[in-house]
């Protein structure tokens, strides 16, 4: 497979992933972190990092709007709930599993805000 075809296939899969994440507003970022070790904010930050690596100016807010489909503040106000102690514990355990990858990716994973910065309000 050539690079252009691979990139097109990956882009199509990414668009499907963001469509699913936009649809499944019932799935909280904290739950994504607890199970998968990443969330919508991480994905947004990876987009912003990839843009910078390619010389494209993309703010964090603009990257988040690409993932959320709306301004992040609007998403938080309409869909995000307070994290429970159990959710925070699950996230901490899940993120701990990312430590090896963290070092390999220069501490950019996970790129999410800490829960206190992600809670509504």
PDB file of N, CA and C in Angstrom:
ATOM      1  N   UNK A   1       0.855  -1.175   0.000  1.00  0.00           N
ATOM      2  CA  UNK A   1       0.000   0.000   0.000  1.00  0.00           C
ATOM      3  C   UNK A   1       0.900   1.236   0.000  1.00  0.00           C
ATOM      4  N   UNK A   2       0.602   2.177  -0.874  1.00  0.00           N
ATOM      5  CA  UNK A   2       1.413   3.389  -0.912  1.00  0.00           C
ATOM      6  C   UNK A   2       0.971   4.349   0.206  1.00  0.00           C
ATOM      7  N   UNK A   3       1.819   5.325   0.499  1.00  0.00           N
ATOM      8  CA  UNK A   3       1.564   6.252   1.605  1.00  0.00           C
ATOM      9  C   UNK A   3       0.282   7.063   1.417  1.00  0.00           C
ATOM     10  N   UNK A   4       0.019   7.498   0.200  1.00  0.00           N
ATOM     11  CA  UNK A   4      -1.177   8.310  -0.057  1.00  0.00           C
ATOM     12  C   UNK A   4      -2.450   7.503   0.197  1.00  0.00           C
ATOM     13  N   UNK A   5      -2.467   6.256  -0.219  1.00  0.00           N
ATOM     14  CA  UNK A   5      -3.633   5.402   0.020  1.00  0.00           C
ATOM     15  C   UNK A   5      -3.794   5.123   1.506  1.00  0.00           C
ATOM     16  N   UNK A   6      -2.686   4.811   2.174  1.00  0.00           N
ATOM     17  CA  UNK A   6      -2.731   4.565   3.621  1.00  0.00           C
ATOM     18  C   UNK A   6      -3.267   5.785   4.353  1.00  0.00           C
ATOM     19  N   UNK A   7      -2.769   6.980   3.999  1.00  0.00           N
ATOM     20  CA  UNK A   7      -3.224   8.208   4.646  1.00  0.00           C
ATOM     21  C   UNK A   7      -4.719   8.440   4.413  1.00  0.00           C
ATOM     22  N   UNK A   8      -5.205   8.165   3.212  1.00  0.00           N
ATOM     23  CA  UNK A   8      -6.624   8.340   2.901  1.00  0.00           C
ATOM     24  C   UNK A   8      -7.477   7.370   3.712  1.00  0.00           C
ATOM     25  N   UNK A   9      -7.030   6.140   3.848  1.00  0.00           N
ATOM     26  CA  UNK A   9      -7.758   5.143   4.633  1.00  0.00           C
ATOM     27  C   UNK A   9      -7.771   5.545   6.109  1.00  0.00           C
ATOM     28  N   UNK A  10      -6.635   5.959   6.625  1.00  0.00           N
ATOM     29  CA  UNK A  10      -6.564   6.379   8.029  1.00  0.00           C
ATOM     30  C   UNK A  10      -7.419   7.618   8.271  1.00  0.00           C
ATOM     31  N   UNK A  11      -7.436   8.544   7.335  1.00  0.00           N
ATOM     32  CA  UNK A  11      -8.266   9.741   7.474  1.00  0.00           C
ATOM     33  C   UNK A  11      -9.750   9.376   7.512  1.00  0.00           C
ATOM     34  N   UNK A  12     -10.152   8.440   6.678  1.00  0.00           N
ATOM     35  CA  UNK A  12     -11.552   8.004   6.670  1.00  0.00           C
ATOM     36  C   UNK A  12     -11.904   7.347   8.006  1.00  0.00           C
ATOM     37  N   UNK A  13     -11.013   6.539   8.541  1.00  0.00           N
ATOM     38  CA  UNK A  13     -11.260   5.899   9.837  1.00  0.00           C
ATOM     39  C   UNK A  13     -11.325   6.952  10.946  1.00  0.00           C
ATOM     40  N   UNK A  14     -10.467   7.967  10.872  1.00  0.00           N
ATOM     41  CA  UNK A  14     -10.486   9.044  11.857  1.00  0.00           C
ATOM     42  C   UNK A  14     -11.806   9.808  11.802  1.00  0.00           C
ATOM     43  N   UNK A  15     -12.289  10.099  10.615  1.00  0.00           N
ATOM     44  CA  UNK A  15     -13.569  10.799  10.498  1.00  0.00           C
ATOM     45  C   UNK A  15     -14.699   9.968  11.095  1.00  0.00           C
ATOM     46  N   UNK A  16     -14.644   8.676  10.909  1.00  0.00           N
ATOM     47  CA  UNK A  16     -15.671   7.798  11.500  1.00  0.00           C
ATOM     48  C   UNK A  16     -15.565   7.795  13.025  1.00  0.00           C
ATOM     49  N   UNK A  17     -14.346   7.766  13.542  1.00  0.00           N
ATOM     50  CA  UNK A  17     -14.137   7.810  14.989  1.00  0.00           C
ATOM     51  C   UNK A  17     -14.675   9.106  15.572  1.00  0.00           C
ATOM     52  N   UNK A  18     -14.363  10.241  14.957  1.00  0.00           N
ATOM     53  CA  UNK A  18     -14.860  11.507  15.499  1.00  0.00           C
ATOM     54  C   UNK A  18     -16.379  11.581  15.393  1.00  0.00           C
ATOM     55  N   UNK A  19     -16.960  11.045  14.333  1.00  0.00           N
ATOM     56  CA  UNK A  19     -18.426  11.023  14.226  1.00  0.00           C
ATOM     57  C   UNK A  19     -19.030  10.196  15.361  1.00  0.00           C
ATOM     58  N   UNK A  20     -18.424   9.075  15.670  1.00  0.00           N
ATOM     59  CA  UNK A  20     -18.916   8.234  16.764  1.00  0.00           C
ATOM     60  C   UNK A  20     -18.787   8.952  18.102  1.00  0.00           C
ATOM     61  N   UNK A  21     -17.634   9.590  18.338  1.00  0.00           N
ATOM     62  CA  UNK A  21     -17.437  10.304  19.599  1.00  0.00           C
ATOM     63  C   UNK A  21     -18.407  11.476  19.740  1.00  0.00           C
ATOM     64  N   UNK A  22     -18.743  12.124  18.638  1.00  0.00           N
ATOM     65  CA  UNK A  22     -19.725  13.214  18.680  1.00  0.00           C
ATOM     66  C   UNK A  22     -21.118  12.671  18.989  1.00  0.00           C
ATOM     67  N   UNK A  23     -21.441  11.521  18.431  1.00  0.00           N
ATOM     68  CA  UNK A  23     -22.749  10.898  18.644  1.00  0.00           C
ATOM     69  C   UNK A  23     -22.899  10.375  20.062  1.00  0.00           C
ATOM     70  N   UNK A  24     -21.835   9.774  20.603  1.00  0.00           N
ATOM     71  CA  UNK A  24     -21.908   9.119  21.911  1.00  0.00           C
ATOM     72  C   UNK A  24     -21.550  10.083  23.039  1.00  0.00           C
ATOM     73  N   UNK A  25     -22.342  11.144  23.155  1.00  0.00           N
ATOM     74  CA  UNK A  25     -22.110  12.105  24.220  1.00  0.00           C
ATOM     75  C   UNK A  25     -22.391  11.515  25.603  1.00  0.00           C
ATOM     76  N   UNK A  26     -23.045  10.347  25.633  1.00  0.00           N
ATOM     77  CA  UNK A  26     -23.281   9.672  26.907  1.00  0.00           C
ATOM     78  C   UNK A  26     -22.008   9.060  27.470  1.00  0.00           C
ATOM     79  N   UNK A  27     -21.004   8.874  26.645  1.00  0.00           N
ATOM     80  CA  UNK A  27     -19.724   8.318  27.095  1.00  0.00           C
ATOM     81  C   UNK A  27     -18.828   9.490  27.497  1.00  0.00           C
ATOM     82  N   UNK A  28     -18.572   9.585  28.771  1.00  0.00           N
ATOM     83  CA  UNK A  28     -17.779  10.682  29.307  1.00  0.00           C
ATOM     84  C   UNK A  28     -16.290  10.493  28.996  1.00  0.00           C
ATOM     85  N   UNK A  29     -15.562  11.608  28.893  1.00  0.00           N
ATOM     86  CA  UNK A  29     -14.114  11.536  28.684  1.00  0.00           C
ATOM     87  C   UNK A  29     -13.433  10.732  29.783  1.00  0.00           C
ATOM     88  N   UNK A  30     -13.875  10.915  31.014  1.00  0.00           N
ATOM     89  CA  UNK A  30     -13.269  10.200  32.137  1.00  0.00           C
ATOM     90  C   UNK A  30     -13.427   8.689  31.964  1.00  0.00           C
ATOM     91  N   UNK A  31     -14.554   8.258  31.373  1.00  0.00           N
ATOM     92  CA  UNK A  31     -14.758   6.833  31.130  1.00  0.00           C
ATOM     93  C   UNK A  31     -13.844   6.338  30.010  1.00  0.00           C
ATOM     94  N   UNK A  32     -13.674   7.138  28.961  1.00  0.00           N
ATOM     95  CA  UNK A  32     -12.731   6.779  27.902  1.00  0.00           C
ATOM     96  C   UNK A  32     -11.330   6.642  28.479  1.00  0.00           C
ATOM     97  N   UNK A  33     -10.948   7.577  29.348  1.00  0.00           N
ATOM     98  CA  UNK A  33      -9.627   7.513  29.984  1.00  0.00           C
ATOM     99  C   UNK A  33      -9.507   6.261  30.848  1.00  0.00           C
ATOM    100  N   UNK A  34     -10.572   5.937  31.566  1.00  0.00           N
ATOM    101  CA  UNK A  34     -10.533   4.791  32.465  1.00  0.00           C
ATOM    102  C   UNK A  34     -10.413   3.463  31.756  1.00  0.00           C
ATOM    103  N   UNK A  35     -10.972   3.372  30.564  1.00  0.00           N
ATOM    104  CA  UNK A  35     -10.946   2.116  29.820  1.00  0.00           C
ATOM    105  C   UNK A  35      -9.810   2.092  28.801  1.00  0.00           C
ATOM    106  N   UNK A  36      -9.668   3.163  28.061  1.00  0.00           N
ATOM    107  CA  UNK A  36      -8.716   3.163  26.956  1.00  0.00           C
ATOM    108  C   UNK A  36      -7.452   3.958  27.172  1.00  0.00           C
ATOM    109  N   UNK A  37      -7.408   4.776  28.223  1.00  0.00           N
ATOM    110  CA  UNK A  37      -6.217   5.566  28.479  1.00  0.00           C
ATOM    111  C   UNK A  37      -6.084   6.795  27.601  1.00  0.00           C
ATOM    112  N   UNK A  38      -7.145   7.157  26.903  1.00  0.00           N
ATOM    113  CA  UNK A  38      -7.170   8.387  26.115  1.00  0.00           C
ATOM    114  C   UNK A  38      -8.615   8.867  26.036  1.00  0.00           C
ATOM    115  N   UNK A  39      -8.784  10.136  25.649  1.00  0.00           N
ATOM    116  CA  UNK A  39     -10.129  10.693  25.520  1.00  0.00           C
ATOM    117  C   UNK A  39     -10.175  11.679  24.363  1.00  0.00           C
ATOM    118  N   UNK A  40     -11.284  12.357  24.247  1.00  0.00           N
ATOM    119  CA  UNK A  40     -11.461  13.344  23.177  1.00  0.00           C
ATOM    120  C   UNK A  40     -10.413  14.447  23.269  1.00  0.00           C
ATOM    121  N   UNK A  41     -10.091  14.868  24.498  1.00  0.00           N
ATOM    122  CA  UNK A  41      -9.083  15.916  24.667  1.00  0.00           C
ATOM    123  C   UNK A  41      -7.712  15.436  24.203  1.00  0.00           C
ATOM    124  N   UNK A  42      -7.381  14.193  24.496  1.00  0.00           N
ATOM    125  CA  UNK A  42      -6.109  13.634  24.029  1.00  0.00           C
ATOM    126  C   UNK A  42      -6.061  13.670  22.505  1.00  0.00           C
ATOM    127  N   UNK A  43      -7.122  13.192  21.892  1.00  0.00           N
ATOM    128  CA  UNK A  43      -7.201  13.160  20.430  1.00  0.00           C
ATOM    129  C   UNK A  43      -7.038  14.570  19.862  1.00  0.00           C
ATOM    130  N   UNK A  44      -7.675  15.534  20.483  1.00  0.00           N
ATOM    131  CA  UNK A  44      -7.557  16.925  20.045  1.00  0.00           C
ATOM    132  C   UNK A  44      -6.119  17.416  20.152  1.00  0.00           C
ATOM    133  N   UNK A  45      -5.473  17.097  21.270  1.00  0.00           N
ATOM    134  CA  UNK A  45      -4.090  17.526  21.454  1.00  0.00           C
ATOM    135  C   UNK A  45      -3.160  16.850  20.461  1.00  0.00           C
ATOM    136  N   UNK A  46      -3.414  15.600  20.124  1.00  0.00           N
ATOM    137  CA  UNK A  46      -2.583  14.917  19.119  1.00  0.00           C
ATOM    138  C   UNK A  46      -2.737  15.584  17.758  1.00  0.00           C
ATOM    139  N   UNK A  47      -3.956  16.023  17.446  1.00  0.00           N
ATOM    140  CA  UNK A  47      -4.191  16.734  16.185  1.00  0.00           C
ATOM    141  C   UNK A  47      -3.385  18.031  16.170  1.00  0.00           C
ATOM    142  N   UNK A  48      -3.461  18.786  17.255  1.00  0.00           N
ATOM    143  CA  UNK A  48      -2.725  20.048  17.334  1.00  0.00           C
ATOM    144  C   UNK A  48      -1.222  19.809  17.219  1.00  0.00           C
ATOM    145  N   UNK A  49      -0.711  18.780  17.882  1.00  0.00           N
ATOM    146  CA  UNK A  49       0.710  18.452  17.797  1.00  0.00           C
ATOM    147  C   UNK A  49       1.113  18.073  16.377  1.00  0.00           C
ATOM    148  N   UNK A  50       0.289  17.273  15.730  1.00  0.00           N
ATOM    149  CA  UNK A  50       0.588  16.867  14.348  1.00  0.00           C
ATOM    150  C   UNK A  50       0.585  18.072  13.420  1.00  0.00           C
ATOM    151  N   UNK A  51      -0.322  19.019  13.662  1.00  0.00           N
ATOM    152  CA  UNK A  51      -0.361  20.234  12.840  1.00  0.00           C
ATOM    153  C   UNK A  51       0.924  21.035  13.012  1.00  0.00           C
ATOM    154  N   UNK A  52       1.345  21.227  14.256  1.00  0.00           N
ATOM    155  CA  UNK A  52       2.568  21.979  14.531  1.00  0.00           C
ATOM    156  C   UNK A  52       3.769  21.306  13.873  1.00  0.00           C
ATOM    157  N   UNK A  53       3.835  19.976  13.955  1.00  0.00           N
ATOM    158  CA  UNK A  53       4.941  19.235  13.328  1.00  0.00           C
ATOM    159  C   UNK A  53       5.003  19.465  11.827  1.00  0.00           C
ATOM    160  N   UNK A  54       3.865  19.821  11.231  1.00  0.00           N
ATOM    161  CA  UNK A  54       3.798  20.049   9.786  1.00  0.00           C
ATOM    162  C   UNK A  54       3.757  21.529   9.431  1.00  0.00           C
ATOM    163  N   UNK A  55       4.021  22.375  10.423  1.00  0.00           N
ATOM    164  CA  UNK A  55       4.072  23.808  10.188  1.00  0.00           C
ATOM    165  C   UNK A  55       2.727  24.475  10.030  1.00  0.00           C
ATOM    166  N   UNK A  56       1.667  23.829  10.531  1.00  0.00           N
ATOM    167  CA  UNK A  56       0.316  24.382  10.434  1.00  0.00           C
ATOM    168  C   UNK A  56      -0.071  24.940  11.800  1.00  0.00           C
ATOM    169  N   UNK A  57      -0.478  26.183  11.832  1.00  0.00           N
ATOM    170  CA  UNK A  57      -0.916  26.798  13.081  1.00  0.00           C
ATOM    171  C   UNK A  57      -2.330  26.326  13.391  1.00  0.00           C
ATOM    172  N   UNK A  58      -2.482  25.652  14.507  1.00  0.00           N
ATOM    173  CA  UNK A  58      -3.794  25.166  14.927  1.00  0.00           C
ATOM    174  C   UNK A  58      -3.853  25.295  16.435  1.00  0.00           C
ATOM    175  N   UNK A  59      -4.768  26.109  16.917  1.00  0.00           N
ATOM    176  CA  UNK A  59      -4.883  26.294  18.358  1.00  0.00           C
ATOM    177  C   UNK A  59      -5.502  25.060  19.004  1.00  0.00           C
ATOM    178  N   UNK A  60      -5.317  24.980  20.287  1.00  0.00           N
ATOM    179  CA  UNK A  60      -5.912  23.876  21.042  1.00  0.00           C
ATOM    180  C   UNK A  60      -7.436  23.914  20.916  1.00  0.00           C
ATOM    181  N   UNK A  61      -8.011  25.108  21.007  1.00  0.00           N
ATOM    182  CA  UNK A  61      -9.463  25.235  20.883  1.00  0.00           C
ATOM    183  C   UNK A  61      -9.949  24.808  19.506  1.00  0.00           C
ATOM    184  N   UNK A  62      -9.220  25.169  18.457  1.00  0.00           N
ATOM    185  CA  UNK A  62      -9.615  24.774  17.100  1.00  0.00           C
ATOM    186  C   UNK A  62      -9.513  23.267  16.923  1.00  0.00           C
ATOM    187  N   UNK A  63      -8.482  22.657  17.495  1.00  0.00           N
ATOM    188  CA  UNK A  63      -8.335  21.203  17.412  1.00  0.00           C
ATOM    189  C   UNK A  63      -9.469  20.507  18.155  1.00  0.00           C
ATOM    190  N   UNK A  64      -9.830  21.033  19.307  1.00  0.00           N
ATOM    191  CA  UNK A  64     -10.933  20.441  20.064  1.00  0.00           C
ATOM    192  C   UNK A  64     -12.245  20.556  19.298  1.00  0.00           C
ATOM    193  N   UNK A  65     -12.447  21.670  18.614  1.00  0.00           N
ATOM    194  CA  UNK A  65     -13.686  21.820  17.849  1.00  0.00           C
ATOM    195  C   UNK A  65     -13.737  20.811  16.704  1.00  0.00           C
ATOM    196  N   UNK A  66     -12.580  20.441  16.141  1.00  0.00           N
ATOM    197  CA  UNK A  66     -12.552  19.403  15.111  1.00  0.00           C
ATOM    198  C   UNK A  66     -13.042  18.064  15.659  1.00  0.00           C
ATOM    199  N   UNK A  67     -12.695  17.772  16.892  1.00  0.00           N
ATOM    200  CA  UNK A  67     -13.093  16.496  17.501  1.00  0.00           C
ATOM    201  C   UNK A  67     -14.517  16.560  18.049  1.00  0.00           C
ATOM    202  N   UNK A  68     -14.829  17.606  18.780  1.00  0.00           N
ATOM    203  CA  UNK A  68     -16.128  17.713  19.438  1.00  0.00           C
ATOM    204  C   UNK A  68     -17.256  18.128  18.493  1.00  0.00           C
ATOM    205  N   UNK A  69     -16.906  18.790  17.392  1.00  0.00           N
ATOM    206  CA  UNK A  69     -17.930  19.276  16.477  1.00  0.00           C
ATOM    207  C   UNK A  69     -18.608  20.545  16.962  1.00  0.00           C
ATOM    208  N   UNK A  70     -18.072  21.128  17.999  1.00  0.00           N
ATOM    209  CA  UNK A  70     -18.596  22.363  18.591  1.00  0.00           C
ATOM    210  C   UNK A  70     -17.515  22.897  19.518  1.00  0.00           C
ATOM    211  N   UNK A  71     -17.637  24.148  19.958  1.00  0.00           N
ATOM    212  CA  UNK A  71     -16.668  24.652  20.936  1.00  0.00           C
ATOM    213  C   UNK A  71     -16.676  23.775  22.196  1.00  0.00           C
ATOM    214  N   UNK A  72     -15.495  23.559  22.742  1.00  0.00           N
ATOM    215  CA  UNK A  72     -15.341  22.693  23.898  1.00  0.00           C
ATOM    216  C   UNK A  72     -16.198  23.166  25.079  1.00  0.00           C
ATOM    217  N   UNK A  73     -16.273  24.466  25.298  1.00  0.00           N
ATOM    218  CA  UNK A  73     -17.085  24.986  26.408  1.00  0.00           C
ATOM    219  C   UNK A  73     -18.558  24.600  26.244  1.00  0.00           C
ATOM    220  N   UNK A  74     -19.038  24.625  25.015  1.00  0.00           N
ATOM    221  CA  UNK A  74     -20.428  24.223  24.760  1.00  0.00           C
ATOM    222  C   UNK A  74     -20.621  22.737  25.051  1.00  0.00           C
ATOM    223  N   UNK A  75     -19.665  21.915  24.602  1.00  0.00           N
ATOM    224  CA  UNK A  75     -19.749  20.482  24.859  1.00  0.00           C
ATOM    225  C   UNK A  75     -19.796  20.213  26.368  1.00  0.00           C
ATOM    226  N   UNK A  76     -18.869  20.835  27.091  1.00  0.00           N
ATOM    227  CA  UNK A  76     -18.827  20.628  28.542  1.00  0.00           C
ATOM    228  C   UNK A  76     -20.145  21.019  29.197  1.00  0.00           C
ATOM    229  N   UNK A  77     -20.686  22.150  28.800  1.00  0.00           N
ATOM    230  CA  UNK A  77     -21.922  22.637  29.408  1.00  0.00           C
ATOM    231  C   UNK A  77     -23.108  21.716  29.138  1.00  0.00           C
ATOM    232  N   UNK A  78     -23.127  21.093  27.981  1.00  0.00           N
ATOM    233  CA  UNK A  78     -24.279  20.270  27.591  1.00  0.00           C
ATOM    234  C   UNK A  78     -24.123  18.774  27.901  1.00  0.00           C
ATOM    235  N   UNK A  79     -22.890  18.282  27.942  1.00  0.00           N
ATOM    236  CA  UNK A  79     -22.723  16.827  27.972  1.00  0.00           C
ATOM    237  C   UNK A  79     -21.821  16.277  29.079  1.00  0.00           C
ATOM    238  N   UNK A  80     -21.012  17.099  29.678  1.00  0.00           N
ATOM    239  CA  UNK A  80     -20.041  16.554  30.627  1.00  0.00           C
ATOM    240  C   UNK A  80     -20.573  16.620  32.049  1.00  0.00           C
ATOM    241  N   UNK A  81     -20.350  15.550  32.789  1.00  0.00           N
ATOM    242  CA  UNK A  81     -20.771  15.478  34.186  1.00  0.00           C
ATOM    243  C   UNK A  81     -19.547  15.451  35.088  1.00  0.00           C
ATOM    244  N   UNK A  82     -19.755  15.655  36.381  1.00  0.00           N
ATOM    245  CA  UNK A  82     -18.654  15.580  37.334  1.00  0.00           C
ATOM    246  C   UNK A  82     -18.140  14.149  37.419  1.00  0.00           C
ATOM    247  N   UNK A  83     -16.835  14.018  37.536  1.00  0.00           N
ATOM    248  CA  UNK A  83     -16.215  12.703  37.676  1.00  0.00           C
ATOM    249  C   UNK A  83     -16.431  12.176  39.090  1.00  0.00           C
ATOM    250  N   UNK A  84     -16.733  10.896  39.186  1.00  0.00           N
ATOM    251  CA  UNK A  84     -16.895  10.248  40.488  1.00  0.00           C
ATOM    252  C   UNK A  84     -15.536   9.754  40.971  1.00  0.00           C
ATOM    253  N   UNK A  85     -15.403   9.483  42.258  1.00  0.00           N
ATOM    254  CA  UNK A  85     -14.152   8.906  42.750  1.00  0.00           C
ATOM    255  C   UNK A  85     -13.786   7.588  42.035  1.00  0.00           C
ATOM    256  N   UNK A  86     -14.775   6.772  41.734  1.00  0.00           N
ATOM    257  CA  UNK A  86     -14.505   5.507  41.032  1.00  0.00           C
ATOM    258  C   UNK A  86     -13.978   5.771  39.619  1.00  0.00           C
ATOM    259  N   UNK A  87     -14.538   6.751  38.931  1.00  0.00           N
ATOM    260  CA  UNK A  87     -14.061   7.090  37.588  1.00  0.00           C
ATOM    261  C   UNK A  87     -12.632   7.616  37.641  1.00  0.00           C
ATOM    262  N   UNK A  88     -12.335   8.449  38.622  1.00  0.00           N
ATOM    263  CA  UNK A  88     -10.983   8.987  38.768  1.00  0.00           C
ATOM    264  C   UNK A  88      -9.971   7.878  39.058  1.00  0.00           C
ATOM    265  N   UNK A  89     -10.364   6.919  39.889  1.00  0.00           N
ATOM    266  CA  UNK A  89      -9.476   5.797  40.208  1.00  0.00           C
ATOM    267  C   UNK A  89      -9.235   4.929  38.974  1.00  0.00           C
ATOM    268  N   UNK A  90     -10.284   4.664  38.207  1.00  0.00           N
ATOM    269  CA  UNK A  90     -10.137   3.871  36.986  1.00  0.00           C
ATOM    270  C   UNK A  90      -9.238   4.586  35.989  1.00  0.00           C
ATOM    271  N   UNK A  91      -9.384   5.907  35.881  1.00  0.00           N
ATOM    272  CA  UNK A  91      -8.537   6.667  34.975  1.00  0.00           C
ATOM    273  C   UNK A  91      -7.081   6.590  35.415  1.00  0.00           C
ATOM    274  N   UNK A  92      -6.819   6.761  36.687  1.00  0.00           N
ATOM    275  CA  UNK A  92      -5.450   6.715  37.189  1.00  0.00           C
ATOM    276  C   UNK A  92      -4.803   5.366  36.897  1.00  0.00           C
ATOM    277  N   UNK A  93      -5.546   4.288  37.122  1.00  0.00           N
ATOM    278  CA  UNK A  93      -5.013   2.951  36.844  1.00  0.00           C
ATOM    279  C   UNK A  93      -4.765   2.760  35.353  1.00  0.00           C
ATOM    280  N   UNK A  94      -5.670   3.243  34.527  1.00  0.00           N
ATOM    281  CA  UNK A  94      -5.526   3.101  33.081  1.00  0.00           C
ATOM    282  C   UNK A  94      -4.354   3.920  32.557  1.00  0.00           C
ATOM    283  N   UNK A  95      -4.242   5.153  33.017  1.00  0.00           N
ATOM    284  CA  UNK A  95      -3.150   6.022  32.564  1.00  0.00           C
ATOM    285  C   UNK A  95      -1.802   5.456  32.994  1.00  0.00           C
ATOM    286  N   UNK A  96      -1.760   4.793  34.150  1.00  0.00           N
ATOM    287  CA  UNK A  96      -0.513   4.182  34.603  1.00  0.00           C
ATOM    288  C   UNK A  96      -0.007   3.146  33.601  1.00  0.00           C
ATOM    289  N   UNK A  97      -0.922   2.493  32.907  1.00  0.00           N
ATOM    290  CA  UNK A  97      -0.538   1.509  31.895  1.00  0.00           C
ATOM    291  C   UNK A  97       0.118   2.163  30.680  1.00  0.00           C
ATOM    292  N   UNK A  98      -0.053   3.469  30.541  1.00  0.00           N
ATOM    293  CA  UNK A  98       0.501   4.193  29.392  1.00  0.00           C
ATOM    294  C   UNK A  98       1.934   4.668  29.632  1.00  0.00           C
ATOM    295  N   UNK A  99       2.483   4.454  30.804  1.00  0.00           N
ATOM    296  CA  UNK A  99       3.788   5.019  31.156  1.00  0.00           C
ATOM    297  C   UNK A  99       4.883   4.686  30.138  1.00  0.00           C
ATOM    298  N   UNK A 100       4.962   3.460  29.681  1.00  0.00           N
ATOM    299  CA  UNK A 100       5.987   3.083  28.706  1.00  0.00           C
ATOM    300  C   UNK A 100       5.797   3.857  27.415  1.00  0.00           C
ATOM    301  N   UNK A 101       4.570   3.959  26.981  1.00  0.00           N
ATOM    302  CA  UNK A 101       4.280   4.708  25.765  1.00  0.00           C
ATOM    303  C   UNK A 101       4.531   6.192  25.975  1.00  0.00           C
ATOM    304  N   UNK A 102       4.228   6.697  27.177  1.00  0.00           N
ATOM    305  CA  UNK A 102       4.473   8.109  27.487  1.00  0.00           C
ATOM    306  C   UNK A 102       5.916   8.483  27.179  1.00  0.00           C
ATOM    307  N   UNK A 103       6.846   7.682  27.670  1.00  0.00           N
ATOM    308  CA  UNK A 103       8.258   7.975  27.474  1.00  0.00           C
ATOM    309  C   UNK A 103       8.621   7.940  25.990  1.00  0.00           C
ATOM    310  N   UNK A 104       8.079   6.981  25.277  1.00  0.00           N
ATOM    311  CA  UNK A 104       8.387   6.860  23.852  1.00  0.00           C
ATOM    312  C   UNK A 104       7.828   8.021  23.047  1.00  0.00           C
ATOM    313  N   UNK A 105       6.734   8.608  23.518  1.00  0.00           N
ATOM    314  CA  UNK A 105       6.092   9.709  22.795  1.00  0.00           C
ATOM    315  C   UNK A 105       6.403  11.066  23.419  1.00  0.00           C
ATOM    316  N   UNK A 106       7.472  11.130  24.216  1.00  0.00           N
ATOM    317  CA  UNK A 106       7.909  12.400  24.774  1.00  0.00           C
ATOM    318  C   UNK A 106       6.837  13.053  25.635  1.00  0.00           C
ATOM    319  N   UNK A 107       6.228  12.271  26.509  1.00  0.00           N
ATOM    320  CA  UNK A 107       5.253  12.762  27.483  1.00  0.00           C
ATOM    321  C   UNK A 107       4.024  13.429  26.872  1.00  0.00           C
ATOM    322  N   UNK A 108       3.707  13.130  25.627  1.00  0.00           N
ATOM    323  CA  UNK A 108       2.520  13.741  25.031  1.00  0.00           C
ATOM    324  C   UNK A 108       1.300  12.838  25.122  1.00  0.00           C
ATOM    325  N   UNK A 109       1.416  11.738  25.825  1.00  0.00           N
ATOM    326  CA  UNK A 109       0.322  10.776  25.918  1.00  0.00           C
ATOM    327  C   UNK A 109       0.154  10.370  27.368  1.00  0.00           C
ATOM    328  N   UNK A 110      -0.975  10.479  27.980  1.00  0.00           N
ATOM    329  CA  UNK A 110      -2.142  11.123  27.422  1.00  0.00           C
ATOM    330  C   UNK A 110      -1.985  12.628  27.463  1.00  0.00           C
ATOM    331  N   UNK A 111      -2.596  13.304  26.560  1.00  0.00           N
ATOM    332  CA  UNK A 111      -2.482  14.754  26.468  1.00  0.00           C
ATOM    333  C   UNK A 111      -3.662  15.454  27.116  1.00  0.00           C
ATOM    334  N   UNK A 112      -4.489  14.719  27.801  1.00  0.00           N
ATOM    335  CA  UNK A 112      -5.715  15.268  28.363  1.00  0.00           C
ATOM    336  C   UNK A 112      -5.445  16.230  29.508  1.00  0.00           C
ATOM    337  N   UNK A 113      -6.396  17.105  29.725  1.00  0.00           N
ATOM    338  CA  UNK A 113      -6.366  17.945  30.905  1.00  0.00           C
ATOM    339  C   UNK A 113      -6.551  17.068  32.133  1.00  0.00           C
ATOM    340  N   UNK A 114      -6.031  17.491  33.265  1.00  0.00           N
ATOM    341  CA  UNK A 114      -6.371  16.773  34.492  1.00  0.00           C
ATOM    342  C   UNK A 114      -7.872  16.909  34.753  1.00  0.00           C
ATOM    343  N   UNK A 115      -8.478  15.962  35.469  1.00  0.00           N
ATOM    344  CA  UNK A 115      -9.922  15.988  35.675  1.00  0.00           C
ATOM    345  C   UNK A 115     -10.444  17.321  36.207  1.00  0.00           C
ATOM    346  N   UNK A 116      -9.689  17.977  37.077  1.00  0.00           N
ATOM    347  CA  UNK A 116     -10.174  19.239  37.636  1.00  0.00           C
ATOM    348  C   UNK A 116     -10.355  20.303  36.556  1.00  0.00           C
ATOM    349  N   UNK A 117      -9.551  20.256  35.503  1.00  0.00           N
ATOM    350  CA  UNK A 117      -9.672  21.223  34.413  1.00  0.00           C
ATOM    351  C   UNK A 117     -10.742  20.824  33.408  1.00  0.00           C
ATOM    352  N   UNK A 118     -11.167  19.573  33.446  1.00  0.00           N
ATOM    353  CA  UNK A 118     -12.142  19.075  32.496  1.00  0.00           C
ATOM    354  C   UNK A 118     -13.568  19.049  33.033  1.00  0.00           C
ATOM    355  N   UNK A 119     -13.721  19.246  34.319  1.00  0.00           N
ATOM    356  CA  UNK A 119     -15.053  19.189  34.900  1.00  0.00           C
ATOM    357  C   UNK A 119     -15.856  20.419  34.508  1.00  0.00           C
ATOM    358  N   UNK A 120     -17.154  20.278  34.399  1.00  0.00           N
ATOM    359  CA  UNK A 120     -17.994  21.418  34.013  1.00  0.00           C
ATOM    360  C   UNK A 120     -17.882  22.557  35.014  1.00  0.00           C
ATOM    361  N   UNK A 121     -18.131  23.741  34.532  1.00  0.00           N
ATOM    362  CA  UNK A 121     -18.183  24.852  35.457  1.00  0.00           C
ATOM    363  C   UNK A 121     -17.303  25.960  35.136  1.00  0.00           C
TER     364      UNK A 121
END
